PDB file of N, CA and C in Angstrom:
ATOM      1  N   MET A   1     -43.303   8.695  -8.546  1.00  0.00           N
ATOM      2  CA  MET A   1     -44.363   8.102  -7.753  1.00  0.00           C
ATOM      3  C   MET A   1     -45.115   7.051  -8.556  1.00  0.00           C
ATOM      4  N   LYS A   2     -45.405   7.390  -9.784  1.00  0.00           N
ATOM      5  CA  LYS A   2     -46.092   6.445 -10.651  1.00  0.00           C
ATOM      6  C   LYS A   2     -45.270   5.158 -10.810  1.00  0.00           C
ATOM      7  N   GLN A   3     -43.963   5.319 -10.949  1.00  0.00           N
ATOM      8  CA  GLN A   3     -43.072   4.171 -11.109  1.00  0.00           C
ATOM      9  C   GLN A   3     -43.144   3.237  -9.906  1.00  0.00           C
ATOM     10  N   ARG A   4     -43.203   3.799  -8.721  1.00  0.00           N
ATOM     11  CA  ARG A   4     -43.266   2.967  -7.518  1.00  0.00           C
ATOM     12  C   ARG A   4     -44.557   2.159  -7.488  1.00  0.00           C
ATOM     13  N   GLY A   5     -45.666   2.777  -7.862  1.00  0.00           N
ATOM     14  CA  GLY A   5     -46.939   2.062  -7.924  1.00  0.00           C
ATOM     15  C   GLY A   5     -46.868   0.899  -8.890  1.00  0.00           C
ATOM     16  N   LYS A   6     -46.181   1.113  -9.993  1.00  0.00           N
ATOM     17  CA  LYS A   6     -46.001   0.052 -10.981  1.00  0.00           C
ATOM     18  C   LYS A   6     -45.185  -1.091 -10.384  1.00  0.00           C
ATOM     19  N   ALA A   7     -44.151  -0.751  -9.605  1.00  0.00           N
ATOM     20  CA  ALA A   7     -43.309  -1.767  -8.979  1.00  0.00           C
ATOM     21  C   ALA A   7     -44.113  -2.591  -7.974  1.00  0.00           C
ATOM     22  N   VAL A   8     -44.953  -1.927  -7.195  1.00  0.00           N
ATOM     23  CA  VAL A   8     -45.771  -2.638  -6.221  1.00  0.00           C
ATOM     24  C   VAL A   8     -46.733  -3.566  -6.936  1.00  0.00           C
ATOM     25  N   SER A   9     -47.339  -3.091  -8.001  1.00  0.00           N
ATOM     26  CA  SER A   9     -48.249  -3.906  -8.782  1.00  0.00           C
ATOM     27  C   SER A   9     -47.525  -5.133  -9.358  1.00  0.00           C
ATOM     28  N   MET A  10     -46.329  -4.919  -9.867  1.00  0.00           N
ATOM     29  CA  MET A  10     -45.542  -6.019 -10.422  1.00  0.00           C
ATOM     30  C   MET A  10     -45.156  -6.995  -9.307  1.00  0.00           C
ATOM     31  N   LEU A  11     -44.805  -6.477  -8.133  1.00  0.00           N
ATOM     32  CA  LEU A  11     -44.474  -7.335  -7.007  1.00  0.00           C
ATOM     33  C   LEU A  11     -45.660  -8.224  -6.660  1.00  0.00           C
ATOM     34  N   GLU A  12     -46.846  -7.661  -6.641  1.00  0.00           N
ATOM     35  CA  GLU A  12     -48.044  -8.445  -6.325  1.00  0.00           C
ATOM     36  C   GLU A  12     -48.262  -9.550  -7.351  1.00  0.00           C
ATOM     37  N   LYS A  13     -48.072  -9.235  -8.619  1.00  0.00           N
ATOM     38  CA  LYS A  13     -48.242 -10.243  -9.674  1.00  0.00           C
ATOM     39  C   LYS A  13     -47.222 -11.371  -9.517  1.00  0.00           C
ATOM     40  N   VAL A  14     -45.968 -10.987  -9.302  1.00  0.00           N
ATOM     41  CA  VAL A  14     -44.905 -11.991  -9.155  1.00  0.00           C
ATOM     42  C   VAL A  14     -45.116 -12.792  -7.877  1.00  0.00           C
ATOM     43  N   ARG A  15     -45.509 -12.131  -6.802  1.00  0.00           N
ATOM     44  CA  ARG A  15     -45.771 -12.820  -5.532  1.00  0.00           C
ATOM     45  C   ARG A  15     -46.869 -13.876  -5.712  1.00  0.00           C
ATOM     46  N   THR A  16     -47.931 -13.525  -6.411  1.00  0.00           N
ATOM     47  CA  THR A  16     -49.027 -14.470  -6.648  1.00  0.00           C
ATOM     48  C   THR A  16     -48.539 -15.685  -7.423  1.00  0.00           C
ATOM     49  N   ILE A  17     -47.763 -15.442  -8.462  1.00  0.00           N
ATOM     50  CA  ILE A  17     -47.218 -16.549  -9.271  1.00  0.00           C
ATOM     51  C   ILE A  17     -46.325 -17.441  -8.410  1.00  0.00           C
ATOM     52  N   LEU A  18     -45.452 -16.828  -7.613  1.00  0.00           N
ATOM     53  CA  LEU A  18     -44.529 -17.605  -6.784  1.00  0.00           C
ATOM     54  C   LEU A  18     -45.259 -18.403  -5.710  1.00  0.00           C
ATOM     55  N   CYS A  19     -46.261 -17.810  -5.074  1.00  0.00           N
ATOM     56  CA  CYS A  19     -47.006 -18.528  -4.040  1.00  0.00           C
ATOM     57  C   CYS A  19     -47.704 -19.751  -4.625  1.00  0.00           C
ATOM     58  N   GLU A  20     -48.258 -19.590  -5.809  1.00  0.00           N
ATOM     59  CA  GLU A  20     -48.888 -20.740  -6.474  1.00  0.00           C
ATOM     60  C   GLU A  20     -47.832 -21.765  -6.883  1.00  0.00           C
ATOM     61  N   PHE A  21     -46.695 -21.272  -7.360  1.00  0.00           N
ATOM     62  CA  PHE A  21     -45.639 -22.171  -7.829  1.00  0.00           C
ATOM     63  C   PHE A  21     -45.081 -23.020  -6.694  1.00  0.00           C
ATOM     64  N   ILE A  22     -44.854 -22.408  -5.528  1.00  0.00           N
ATOM     65  CA  ILE A  22     -44.302 -23.172  -4.399  1.00  0.00           C
ATOM     66  C   ILE A  22     -45.403 -23.822  -3.571  1.00  0.00           C
ATOM     67  N   ASN A  23     -46.650 -23.582  -3.977  1.00  0.00           N
ATOM     68  CA  ASN A  23     -47.816 -24.164  -3.318  1.00  0.00           C
ATOM     69  C   ASN A  23     -47.894 -23.786  -1.842  1.00  0.00           C
ATOM     70  N   ASN A  24     -47.653 -22.491  -1.582  1.00  0.00           N
ATOM     71  CA  ASN A  24     -47.737 -21.978  -0.215  1.00  0.00           C
ATOM     72  C   ASN A  24     -48.203 -20.523  -0.277  1.00  0.00           C
ATOM     73  N   LYS A  25     -49.475 -20.315  -0.100  1.00  0.00           N
ATOM     74  CA  LYS A  25     -50.045 -18.973  -0.214  1.00  0.00           C
ATOM     75  C   LYS A  25     -49.755 -18.094   1.000  1.00  0.00           C
ATOM     76  N   ASP A  26     -49.258 -18.678   2.086  1.00  0.00           N
ATOM     77  CA  ASP A  26     -48.990 -17.919   3.309  1.00  0.00           C
ATOM     78  C   ASP A  26     -47.539 -17.462   3.432  1.00  0.00           C
ATOM     79  N   PHE A  27     -46.682 -17.871   2.510  1.00  0.00           N
ATOM     80  CA  PHE A  27     -45.263 -17.531   2.593  1.00  0.00           C
ATOM     81  C   PHE A  27     -45.081 -16.038   2.329  1.00  0.00           C
ATOM     82  N   GLU A  28     -44.300 -15.388   3.178  1.00  0.00           N
ATOM     83  CA  GLU A  28     -44.014 -13.961   3.006  1.00  0.00           C
ATOM     84  C   GLU A  28     -42.961 -13.797   1.907  1.00  0.00           C
ATOM     85  N   ILE A  29     -43.368 -13.211   0.809  1.00  0.00           N
ATOM     86  CA  ILE A  29     -42.461 -12.999  -0.317  1.00  0.00           C
ATOM     87  C   ILE A  29     -42.339 -11.502  -0.565  1.00  0.00           C
ATOM     88  N   GLY A  30     -41.100 -11.021  -0.524  1.00  0.00           N
ATOM     89  CA  GLY A  30     -40.818  -9.617  -0.798  1.00  0.00           C
ATOM     90  C   GLY A  30     -39.774  -9.503  -1.891  1.00  0.00           C
ATOM     91  N   GLU A  31     -39.384  -8.290  -2.196  1.00  0.00           N
ATOM     92  CA  GLU A  31     -38.401  -8.074  -3.267  1.00  0.00           C
ATOM     93  C   GLU A  31     -37.064  -8.732  -2.965  1.00  0.00           C
ATOM     94  N   ASN A  32     -36.706  -8.841  -1.692  1.00  0.00           N
ATOM     95  CA  ASN A  32     -35.403  -9.406  -1.328  1.00  0.00           C
ATOM     96  C   ASN A  32     -35.434 -10.918  -1.133  1.00  0.00           C
ATOM     97  N   THR A  33     -36.569 -11.537  -1.330  1.00  0.00           N
ATOM     98  CA  THR A  33     -36.670 -12.989  -1.171  1.00  0.00           C
ATOM     99  C   THR A  33     -35.812 -13.679  -2.229  1.00  0.00           C
ATOM    100  N   ALA A  34     -34.933 -14.577  -1.761  1.00  0.00           N
ATOM    101  CA  ALA A  34     -34.065 -15.326  -2.669  1.00  0.00           C
ATOM    102  C   ALA A  34     -34.816 -16.538  -3.198  1.00  0.00           C
ATOM    103  N   LEU A  35     -34.745 -16.738  -4.501  1.00  0.00           N
ATOM    104  CA  LEU A  35     -35.480 -17.845  -5.118  1.00  0.00           C
ATOM    105  C   LEU A  35     -34.971 -19.199  -4.636  1.00  0.00           C
ATOM    106  N   SER A  36     -33.676 -19.340  -4.529  1.00  0.00           N
ATOM    107  CA  SER A  36     -33.105 -20.621  -4.135  1.00  0.00           C
ATOM    108  C   SER A  36     -33.114 -20.837  -2.629  1.00  0.00           C
ATOM    109  N   SER A  37     -32.435 -19.974  -1.898  1.00  0.00           N
ATOM    110  CA  SER A  37     -32.284 -20.222  -0.455  1.00  0.00           C
ATOM    111  C   SER A  37     -33.565 -19.989   0.333  1.00  0.00           C
ATOM    112  N   ASP A  38     -34.378 -19.009  -0.040  1.00  0.00           N
ATOM    113  CA  ASP A  38     -35.604 -18.741   0.714  1.00  0.00           C
ATOM    114  C   ASP A  38     -36.787 -19.600   0.248  1.00  0.00           C
ATOM    115  N   LEU A  39     -36.910 -19.771  -1.063  1.00  0.00           N
ATOM    116  CA  LEU A  39     -38.065 -20.499  -1.601  1.00  0.00           C
ATOM    117  C   LEU A  39     -37.747 -21.944  -1.969  1.00  0.00           C
ATOM    118  N   GLY A  40     -36.463 -22.303  -1.954  1.00  0.00           N
ATOM    119  CA  GLY A  40     -36.076 -23.683  -2.256  1.00  0.00           C
ATOM    120  C   GLY A  40     -36.219 -24.058  -3.715  1.00  0.00           C
ATOM    121  N   ILE A  41     -36.157 -23.076  -4.605  1.00  0.00           N
ATOM    122  CA  ILE A  41     -36.299 -23.341  -6.040  1.00  0.00           C
ATOM    123  C   ILE A  41     -34.933 -23.719  -6.610  1.00  0.00           C
ATOM    124  N   ASN A  42     -34.846 -24.935  -7.166  1.00  0.00           N
ATOM    125  CA  ASN A  42     -33.588 -25.375  -7.774  1.00  0.00           C
ATOM    126  C   ASN A  42     -33.558 -24.963  -9.252  1.00  0.00           C
ATOM    127  N   SER A  43     -32.478 -25.258  -9.943  1.00  0.00           N
ATOM    128  CA  SER A  43     -32.315 -24.798 -11.327  1.00  0.00           C
ATOM    129  C   SER A  43     -33.383 -25.373 -12.264  1.00  0.00           C
ATOM    130  N   TYR A  44     -33.772 -26.613 -12.051  1.00  0.00           N
ATOM    131  CA  TYR A  44     -34.830 -27.216 -12.868  1.00  0.00           C
ATOM    132  C   TYR A  44     -36.156 -26.500 -12.620  1.00  0.00           C
ATOM    133  N   GLN A  45     -36.458 -26.251 -11.359  1.00  0.00           N
ATOM    134  CA  GLN A  45     -37.701 -25.563 -11.011  1.00  0.00           C
ATOM    135  C   GLN A  45     -37.685 -24.119 -11.504  1.00  0.00           C
ATOM    136  N   LEU A  46     -36.505 -23.494 -11.508  1.00  0.00           N
ATOM    137  CA  LEU A  46     -36.394 -22.135 -12.012  1.00  0.00           C
ATOM    138  C   LEU A  46     -36.767 -22.084 -13.490  1.00  0.00           C
ATOM    139  N   ALA A  47     -36.328 -23.083 -14.247  1.00  0.00           N
ATOM    140  CA  ALA A  47     -36.697 -23.147 -15.662  1.00  0.00           C
ATOM    141  C   ALA A  47     -38.215 -23.295 -15.812  1.00  0.00           C
ATOM    142  N   GLU A  48     -38.829 -24.110 -14.952  1.00  0.00           N
ATOM    143  CA  GLU A  48     -40.286 -24.259 -14.982  1.00  0.00           C
ATOM    144  C   GLU A  48     -40.971 -22.946 -14.602  1.00  0.00           C
ATOM    145  N   LEU A  49     -40.443 -22.281 -13.587  1.00  0.00           N
ATOM    146  CA  LEU A  49     -41.000 -20.998 -13.153  1.00  0.00           C
ATOM    147  C   LEU A  49     -40.930 -19.970 -14.276  1.00  0.00           C
ATOM    148  N   VAL A  50     -39.829 -19.945 -14.987  1.00  0.00           N
ATOM    149  CA  VAL A  50     -39.682 -19.011 -16.104  1.00  0.00           C
ATOM    150  C   VAL A  50     -40.760 -19.271 -17.154  1.00  0.00           C
ATOM    151  N   CYS A  51     -41.076 -20.530 -17.411  1.00  0.00           N
ATOM    152  CA  CYS A  51     -42.150 -20.857 -18.362  1.00  0.00           C
ATOM    153  C   CYS A  51     -43.488 -20.294 -17.879  1.00  0.00           C
ATOM    154  N   VAL A  52     -43.756 -20.415 -16.600  1.00  0.00           N
ATOM    155  CA  VAL A  52     -44.994 -19.873 -16.030  1.00  0.00           C
ATOM    156  C   VAL A  52     -45.014 -18.350 -16.169  1.00  0.00           C
ATOM    157  N   ILE A  53     -43.891 -17.715 -15.883  1.00  0.00           N
ATOM    158  CA  ILE A  53     -43.794 -16.254 -16.000  1.00  0.00           C
ATOM    159  C   ILE A  53     -43.962 -15.822 -17.453  1.00  0.00           C
ATOM    160  N   GLU A  54     -43.338 -16.559 -18.362  1.00  0.00           N
ATOM    161  CA  GLU A  54     -43.484 -16.240 -19.786  1.00  0.00           C
ATOM    162  C   GLU A  54     -44.952 -16.291 -20.203  1.00  0.00           C
ATOM    163  N   ASP A  55     -45.649 -17.316 -19.777  1.00  0.00           N
ATOM    164  CA  ASP A  55     -47.076 -17.441 -20.109  1.00  0.00           C
ATOM    165  C   ASP A  55     -47.896 -16.331 -19.458  1.00  0.00           C
ATOM    166  N   SER A  56     -47.592 -16.020 -18.217  1.00  0.00           N
ATOM    167  CA  SER A  56     -48.360 -15.018 -17.476  1.00  0.00           C
ATOM    168  C   SER A  56     -48.180 -13.606 -18.027  1.00  0.00           C
ATOM    169  N   PHE A  57     -46.978 -13.302 -18.480  1.00  0.00           N
ATOM    170  CA  PHE A  57     -46.681 -11.955 -18.950  1.00  0.00           C
ATOM    171  C   PHE A  57     -46.566 -11.879 -20.477  1.00  0.00           C
ATOM    172  N   ASN A  58     -46.808 -12.985 -21.144  1.00  0.00           N
ATOM    173  CA  ASN A  58     -46.767 -13.045 -22.603  1.00  0.00           C
ATOM    174  C   ASN A  58     -45.448 -12.493 -23.162  1.00  0.00           C
ATOM    175  N   ILE A  59     -44.348 -12.988 -22.604  1.00  0.00           N
ATOM    176  CA  ILE A  59     -43.023 -12.603 -23.071  1.00  0.00           C
ATOM    177  C   ILE A  59     -42.185 -13.862 -23.241  1.00  0.00           C
ATOM    178  N   GLU A  60     -41.046 -13.707 -23.885  1.00  0.00           N
ATOM    179  CA  GLU A  60     -40.096 -14.805 -24.014  1.00  0.00           C
ATOM    180  C   GLU A  60     -38.799 -14.382 -23.333  1.00  0.00           C
ATOM    181  N   ILE A  61     -38.348 -15.224 -22.402  1.00  0.00           N
ATOM    182  CA  ILE A  61     -37.127 -14.937 -21.649  1.00  0.00           C
ATOM    183  C   ILE A  61     -36.020 -15.840 -22.185  1.00  0.00           C
ATOM    184  N   PRO A  62     -34.945 -15.252 -22.718  1.00  0.00           N
ATOM    185  CA  PRO A  62     -33.846 -16.067 -23.243  1.00  0.00           C
ATOM    186  C   PRO A  62     -33.173 -16.876 -22.127  1.00  0.00           C
ATOM    187  N   ASN A  63     -32.711 -18.053 -22.473  1.00  0.00           N
ATOM    188  CA  ASN A  63     -32.058 -18.932 -21.493  1.00  0.00           C
ATOM    189  C   ASN A  63     -30.903 -18.236 -20.782  1.00  0.00           C
ATOM    190  N   LYS A  64     -30.170 -17.390 -21.496  1.00  0.00           N
ATOM    191  CA  LYS A  64     -29.014 -16.722 -20.887  1.00  0.00           C
ATOM    192  C   LYS A  64     -29.421 -15.770 -19.764  1.00  0.00           C
ATOM    193  N   SER A  65     -30.667 -15.337 -19.750  1.00  0.00           N
ATOM    194  CA  SER A  65     -31.136 -14.422 -18.703  1.00  0.00           C
ATOM    195  C   SER A  65     -31.553 -15.147 -17.434  1.00  0.00           C
ATOM    196  N   ILE A  66     -31.880 -16.413 -17.542  1.00  0.00           N
ATOM    197  CA  ILE A  66     -32.412 -17.158 -16.397  1.00  0.00           C
ATOM    198  C   ILE A  66     -31.431 -17.197 -15.231  1.00  0.00           C
ATOM    199  N   ALA A  67     -30.161 -17.351 -15.508  1.00  0.00           N
ATOM    200  CA  ALA A  67     -29.156 -17.439 -14.444  1.00  0.00           C
ATOM    201  C   ALA A  67     -29.067 -16.155 -13.618  1.00  0.00           C
ATOM    202  N   SER A  68     -29.544 -15.047 -14.163  1.00  0.00           N
ATOM    203  CA  SER A  68     -29.476 -13.778 -13.430  1.00  0.00           C
ATOM    204  C   SER A  68     -30.616 -13.625 -12.422  1.00  0.00           C
ATOM    205  N   PHE A  69     -31.570 -14.544 -12.422  1.00  0.00           N
ATOM    206  CA  PHE A  69     -32.699 -14.470 -11.496  1.00  0.00           C
ATOM    207  C   PHE A  69     -32.340 -15.130 -10.172  1.00  0.00           C
ATOM    208  N   VAL A  70     -31.870 -14.328  -9.241  1.00  0.00           N
ATOM    209  CA  VAL A  70     -31.475 -14.808  -7.923  1.00  0.00           C
ATOM    210  C   VAL A  70     -32.539 -14.456  -6.890  1.00  0.00           C
ATOM    211  N   SER A  71     -33.124 -13.276  -7.046  1.00  0.00           N
ATOM    212  CA  SER A  71     -34.126 -12.805  -6.084  1.00  0.00           C
ATOM    213  C   SER A  71     -35.401 -12.380  -6.813  1.00  0.00           C
ATOM    214  N   VAL A  72     -36.426 -12.137  -6.045  1.00  0.00           N
ATOM    215  CA  VAL A  72     -37.682 -11.645  -6.601  1.00  0.00           C
ATOM    216  C   VAL A  72     -37.442 -10.302  -7.291  1.00  0.00           C
ATOM    217  N   ARG A  73     -36.590  -9.472  -6.712  1.00  0.00           N
ATOM    218  CA  ARG A  73     -36.260  -8.184  -7.317  1.00  0.00           C
ATOM    219  C   ARG A  73     -35.702  -8.369  -8.728  1.00  0.00           C
ATOM    220  N   ASP A  74     -34.857  -9.381  -8.932  1.00  0.00           N
ATOM    221  CA  ASP A  74     -34.293  -9.642 -10.261  1.00  0.00           C
ATOM    222  C   ASP A  74     -35.407  -9.926 -11.273  1.00  0.00           C
ATOM    223  N   LEU A  75     -36.385 -10.714 -10.864  1.00  0.00           N
ATOM    224  CA  LEU A  75     -37.513 -11.017 -11.745  1.00  0.00           C
ATOM    225  C   LEU A  75     -38.301  -9.751 -12.077  1.00  0.00           C
ATOM    226  N   ILE A  76     -38.593  -8.956 -11.054  1.00  0.00           N
ATOM    227  CA  ILE A  76     -39.373  -7.736 -11.247  1.00  0.00           C
ATOM    228  C   ILE A  76     -38.641  -6.765 -12.176  1.00  0.00           C
ATOM    229  N   GLU A  77     -37.361  -6.567 -11.942  1.00  0.00           N
ATOM    230  CA  GLU A  77     -36.590  -5.648 -12.783  1.00  0.00           C
ATOM    231  C   GLU A  77     -36.563  -6.126 -14.230  1.00  0.00           C
ATOM    232  N   TYR A  78     -36.389  -7.431 -14.428  1.00  0.00           N
ATOM    233  CA  TYR A  78     -36.386  -7.965 -15.790  1.00  0.00           C
ATOM    234  C   TYR A  78     -37.738  -7.721 -16.462  1.00  0.00           C
ATOM    235  N   LEU A  79     -38.814  -8.022 -15.751  1.00  0.00           N
ATOM    236  CA  LEU A  79     -40.151  -7.872 -16.320  1.00  0.00           C
ATOM    237  C   LEU A  79     -40.478  -6.406 -16.608  1.00  0.00           C
ATOM    238  N   GLU A  80     -40.052  -5.511 -15.758  1.00  0.00           N
ATOM    239  CA  GLU A  80     -40.312  -4.091 -15.993  1.00  0.00           C
ATOM    240  C   GLU A  80     -39.543  -3.572 -17.194  1.00  0.00           C
ATOM    241  N   LEU A  81     -38.335  -4.078 -17.401  1.00  0.00           N
ATOM    242  CA  LEU A  81     -37.526  -3.636 -18.538  1.00  0.00           C
ATOM    243  C   LEU A  81     -37.940  -4.292 -19.849  1.00  0.00           C
ATOM    244  N   ASN A  82     -38.431  -5.520 -19.775  1.00  0.00           N
ATOM    245  CA  ASN A  82     -38.672  -6.298 -20.993  1.00  0.00           C
ATOM    246  C   ASN A  82     -40.130  -6.678 -21.238  1.00  0.00           C
ATOM    247  N   GLY A  83     -40.974  -6.396 -20.262  1.00  0.00           N
ATOM    248  CA  GLY A  83     -42.383  -6.780 -20.390  1.00  0.00           C
ATOM    249  C   GLY A  83     -43.141  -5.843 -21.293  1.00  0.00           C
ATOM    250  N   ASN A  84     -44.361  -6.246 -21.565  1.00  0.00           N
ATOM    251  CA  ASN A  84     -45.229  -5.431 -22.438  1.00  0.00           C
ATOM    252  C   ASN A  84     -45.913  -4.338 -21.677  1.00  0.00           C
TER     253      ASN A  84
END
């Protein structure tokens, strides 16, 4: 149960970052939201987004991991496994 609360909290943090990043606070973003097809984030923008996430969570994400970020769930799982 505690783990689920942590996931919801992480989803809220990631959702806030993404809404600011795409400059649309009304967009419905869930765990299954695709970064590219749903949010229109291209590979260049994904690299920029990763920089924002790194700053927000005070972590460093290796370049080889960026390609694995297809959905919001991918970001959340990475942050939960590697975040502080």
